[in-house]
Amino acid sequence: MTTADDSDRAALLRATADDLRGESSESKQLAALLYRVSDLYDPDEETTPEEIYRNVQYILEVKERGGIDR
């Protein structure tokens, strides 16, 4: 069950991700990771730490390969 603190945490993570997102691929990647982690605290999201871990792994693998189109 989520609490108001959890909603605040999700909002803070997403605001931080927005602030960090820039033109570089590294800043975009970090922002994507923070957004994904924020889903843990969002009452409208149904996700587990394991799903987030797998998604983060995928994000890192795509980055390592040079992008999603390659």
N, C-alpha and C. Protein backbone atom coordinates (compact mmCIF):
# COMPACT_ATOMS: atom_id res chain seq x y z
N MET A 1 0.84 -1.17 0.00
CA MET A 1 0.00 0.00 0.00
C MET A 1 0.89 1.24 0.00
N THR A 2 0.55 2.19 -0.85
CA THR A 2 1.34 3.40 -0.93
C THR A 2 0.78 4.46 0.02
N THR A 3 1.63 5.38 0.35
CA THR A 3 1.25 6.46 1.24
C THR A 3 1.50 7.80 0.55
N ALA A 4 1.11 8.87 1.21
CA ALA A 4 1.39 10.20 0.66
C ALA A 4 2.90 10.40 0.50
N ASP A 5 3.66 9.87 1.44
CA ASP A 5 5.12 9.97 1.33
C ASP A 5 5.62 9.28 0.07
N ASP A 6 5.00 8.14 -0.28
CA ASP A 6 5.39 7.43 -1.50
C ASP A 6 5.09 8.28 -2.73
N SER A 7 3.94 8.92 -2.75
CA SER A 7 3.60 9.79 -3.89
C SER A 7 4.58 10.94 -4.00
N ASP A 8 4.95 11.50 -2.84
CA ASP A 8 5.94 12.58 -2.83
C ASP A 8 7.29 12.08 -3.35
N ARG A 9 7.65 10.87 -2.96
CA ARG A 9 8.92 10.28 -3.40
C ARG A 9 8.92 10.10 -4.92
N ALA A 10 7.81 9.59 -5.45
CA ALA A 10 7.71 9.40 -6.90
C ALA A 10 7.83 10.74 -7.61
N ALA A 11 7.14 11.76 -7.10
CA ALA A 11 7.20 13.08 -7.71
C ALA A 11 8.61 13.66 -7.66
N LEU A 12 9.29 13.46 -6.55
CA LEU A 12 10.66 13.97 -6.42
C LEU A 12 11.60 13.27 -7.40
N LEU A 13 11.48 11.96 -7.52
CA LEU A 13 12.33 11.22 -8.46
C LEU A 13 12.09 11.68 -9.89
N ARG A 14 10.82 11.89 -10.23
CA ARG A 14 10.50 12.31 -11.60
C ARG A 14 10.96 13.74 -11.86
N ALA A 15 10.82 14.61 -10.87
CA ALA A 15 11.30 15.98 -11.03
C ALA A 15 12.82 16.00 -11.20
N THR A 16 13.50 15.15 -10.44
CA THR A 16 14.95 15.05 -10.55
C THR A 16 15.33 14.53 -11.93
N ALA A 17 14.60 13.54 -12.41
CA ALA A 17 14.86 13.00 -13.75
C ALA A 17 14.67 14.07 -14.80
N ASP A 18 13.62 14.88 -14.66
CA ASP A 18 13.39 15.97 -15.62
C ASP A 18 14.54 16.97 -15.60
N ASP A 19 15.04 17.27 -14.40
CA ASP A 19 16.16 18.20 -14.27
C ASP A 19 17.44 17.64 -14.88
N LEU A 20 17.64 16.35 -14.75
CA LEU A 20 18.87 15.72 -15.23
C LEU A 20 18.87 15.48 -16.74
N ARG A 21 17.67 15.30 -17.29
CA ARG A 21 17.59 14.96 -18.71
C ARG A 21 18.17 16.10 -19.52
N GLY A 22 19.09 15.74 -20.37
CA GLY A 22 19.74 16.73 -21.22
C GLY A 22 19.93 16.14 -22.60
N GLU A 23 20.88 16.67 -23.29
CA GLU A 23 21.14 16.22 -24.66
C GLU A 23 22.01 14.97 -24.72
N SER A 24 22.80 14.74 -23.68
CA SER A 24 23.71 13.60 -23.74
C SER A 24 22.95 12.30 -23.50
N SER A 25 23.47 11.25 -24.09
CA SER A 25 22.83 9.95 -23.92
C SER A 25 22.90 9.48 -22.47
N GLU A 26 23.96 9.88 -21.77
CA GLU A 26 24.10 9.48 -20.38
C GLU A 26 23.02 10.13 -19.51
N SER A 27 22.75 11.41 -19.75
CA SER A 27 21.72 12.08 -18.96
C SER A 27 20.34 11.54 -19.28
N LYS A 28 20.09 11.20 -20.53
CA LYS A 28 18.81 10.59 -20.90
C LYS A 28 18.66 9.22 -20.25
N GLN A 29 19.74 8.46 -20.23
CA GLN A 29 19.72 7.14 -19.63
C GLN A 29 19.45 7.24 -18.12
N LEU A 30 20.13 8.13 -17.45
CA LEU A 30 19.93 8.29 -16.02
C LEU A 30 18.51 8.74 -15.72
N ALA A 31 17.98 9.64 -16.51
CA ALA A 31 16.60 10.09 -16.33
C ALA A 31 15.63 8.92 -16.51
N ALA A 32 15.87 8.08 -17.50
CA ALA A 32 15.00 6.92 -17.73
C ALA A 32 15.04 5.97 -16.53
N LEU A 33 16.22 5.78 -15.98
CA LEU A 33 16.36 4.90 -14.81
C LEU A 33 15.60 5.47 -13.61
N LEU A 34 15.72 6.77 -13.38
CA LEU A 34 15.01 7.38 -12.26
C LEU A 34 13.49 7.30 -12.44
N TYR A 35 13.04 7.53 -13.67
CA TYR A 35 11.61 7.40 -13.92
C TYR A 35 11.13 5.98 -13.62
N ARG A 36 11.92 5.02 -14.03
CA ARG A 36 11.52 3.62 -13.82
C ARG A 36 11.47 3.31 -12.33
N VAL A 37 12.45 3.75 -11.57
CA VAL A 37 12.46 3.53 -10.12
C VAL A 37 11.29 4.25 -9.45
N SER A 38 10.92 5.41 -9.97
CA SER A 38 9.81 6.16 -9.37
C SER A 38 8.50 5.38 -9.44
N ASP A 39 8.39 4.47 -10.39
CA ASP A 39 7.17 3.66 -10.50
C ASP A 39 6.90 2.83 -9.25
N LEU A 40 7.94 2.52 -8.51
CA LEU A 40 7.75 1.78 -7.25
C LEU A 40 6.88 2.55 -6.27
N TYR A 41 6.96 3.86 -6.34
CA TYR A 41 6.27 4.71 -5.37
C TYR A 41 4.98 5.33 -5.91
N ASP A 42 4.68 5.08 -7.17
CA ASP A 42 3.49 5.65 -7.79
C ASP A 42 2.30 4.75 -7.51
N PRO A 43 1.25 5.28 -6.86
CA PRO A 43 0.10 4.44 -6.53
C PRO A 43 -0.65 3.94 -7.76
N ASP A 44 -0.47 4.59 -8.90
CA ASP A 44 -1.16 4.17 -10.13
C ASP A 44 -0.38 3.11 -10.91
N GLU A 45 0.82 2.81 -10.49
CA GLU A 45 1.66 1.81 -11.17
C GLU A 45 1.64 0.50 -10.40
N GLU A 46 1.57 -0.57 -11.13
CA GLU A 46 1.66 -1.89 -10.52
C GLU A 46 2.93 -2.54 -11.03
N THR A 47 3.96 -2.43 -10.25
CA THR A 47 5.25 -2.98 -10.65
C THR A 47 5.95 -3.53 -9.42
N THR A 48 6.94 -4.34 -9.68
CA THR A 48 7.71 -4.93 -8.59
C THR A 48 9.18 -4.53 -8.76
N PRO A 49 9.94 -4.63 -7.68
CA PRO A 49 11.37 -4.36 -7.82
C PRO A 49 12.03 -5.24 -8.88
N GLU A 50 11.57 -6.48 -8.99
CA GLU A 50 12.15 -7.39 -9.99
C GLU A 50 11.90 -6.90 -11.41
N GLU A 51 10.68 -6.40 -11.67
CA GLU A 51 10.37 -5.87 -13.00
C GLU A 51 11.22 -4.65 -13.31
N ILE A 52 11.40 -3.81 -12.32
CA ILE A 52 12.22 -2.62 -12.51
C ILE A 52 13.67 -3.02 -12.75
N TYR A 53 14.16 -3.99 -12.01
CA TYR A 53 15.53 -4.47 -12.20
C TYR A 53 15.72 -4.97 -13.63
N ARG A 54 14.77 -5.77 -14.12
CA ARG A 54 14.88 -6.29 -15.49
C ARG A 54 14.83 -5.15 -16.51
N ASN A 55 13.98 -4.17 -16.27
CA ASN A 55 13.87 -3.05 -17.18
C ASN A 55 15.15 -2.22 -17.19
N VAL A 56 15.72 -1.99 -16.02
CA VAL A 56 16.97 -1.25 -15.93
C VAL A 56 18.09 -2.01 -16.65
N GLN A 57 18.12 -3.31 -16.48
CA GLN A 57 19.11 -4.12 -17.20
C GLN A 57 18.96 -3.92 -18.70
N TYR A 58 17.73 -3.93 -19.18
CA TYR A 58 17.47 -3.74 -20.60
C TYR A 58 17.96 -2.37 -21.06
N ILE A 59 17.67 -1.33 -20.29
CA ILE A 59 18.11 0.02 -20.63
C ILE A 59 19.63 0.05 -20.76
N LEU A 60 20.32 -0.58 -19.82
CA LEU A 60 21.78 -0.60 -19.86
C LEU A 60 22.31 -1.41 -21.04
N GLU A 61 21.64 -2.52 -21.38
CA GLU A 61 22.06 -3.33 -22.52
C GLU A 61 21.88 -2.57 -23.82
N VAL A 62 20.78 -1.86 -23.96
CA VAL A 62 20.55 -1.07 -25.17
C VAL A 62 21.63 -0.01 -25.30
N LYS A 63 21.95 0.63 -24.20
CA LYS A 63 23.01 1.66 -24.20
C LYS A 63 24.34 1.05 -24.64
N GLU A 64 24.64 -0.13 -24.11
CA GLU A 64 25.91 -0.80 -24.43
C GLU A 64 25.98 -1.15 -25.91
N ARG A 65 24.83 -1.50 -26.51
CA ARG A 65 24.80 -1.86 -27.93
C ARG A 65 24.82 -0.64 -28.84
N GLY A 66 24.66 0.53 -28.25
CA GLY A 66 24.72 1.75 -29.06
C GLY A 66 23.37 2.31 -29.43
N GLY A 67 22.32 1.77 -28.89
CA GLY A 67 20.98 2.31 -29.15
C GLY A 67 20.01 1.22 -29.52
N ILE A 68 18.76 1.60 -29.56
CA ILE A 68 17.71 0.63 -29.79
C ILE A 68 17.62 0.22 -31.26
N ASP A 69 18.07 1.10 -32.17
CA ASP A 69 17.95 0.83 -33.60
C ASP A 69 19.10 0.00 -34.16
N ARG A 70 20.09 -0.29 -33.35
CA ARG A 70 21.26 -0.98 -33.89
C ARG A 70 21.22 -2.45 -33.59
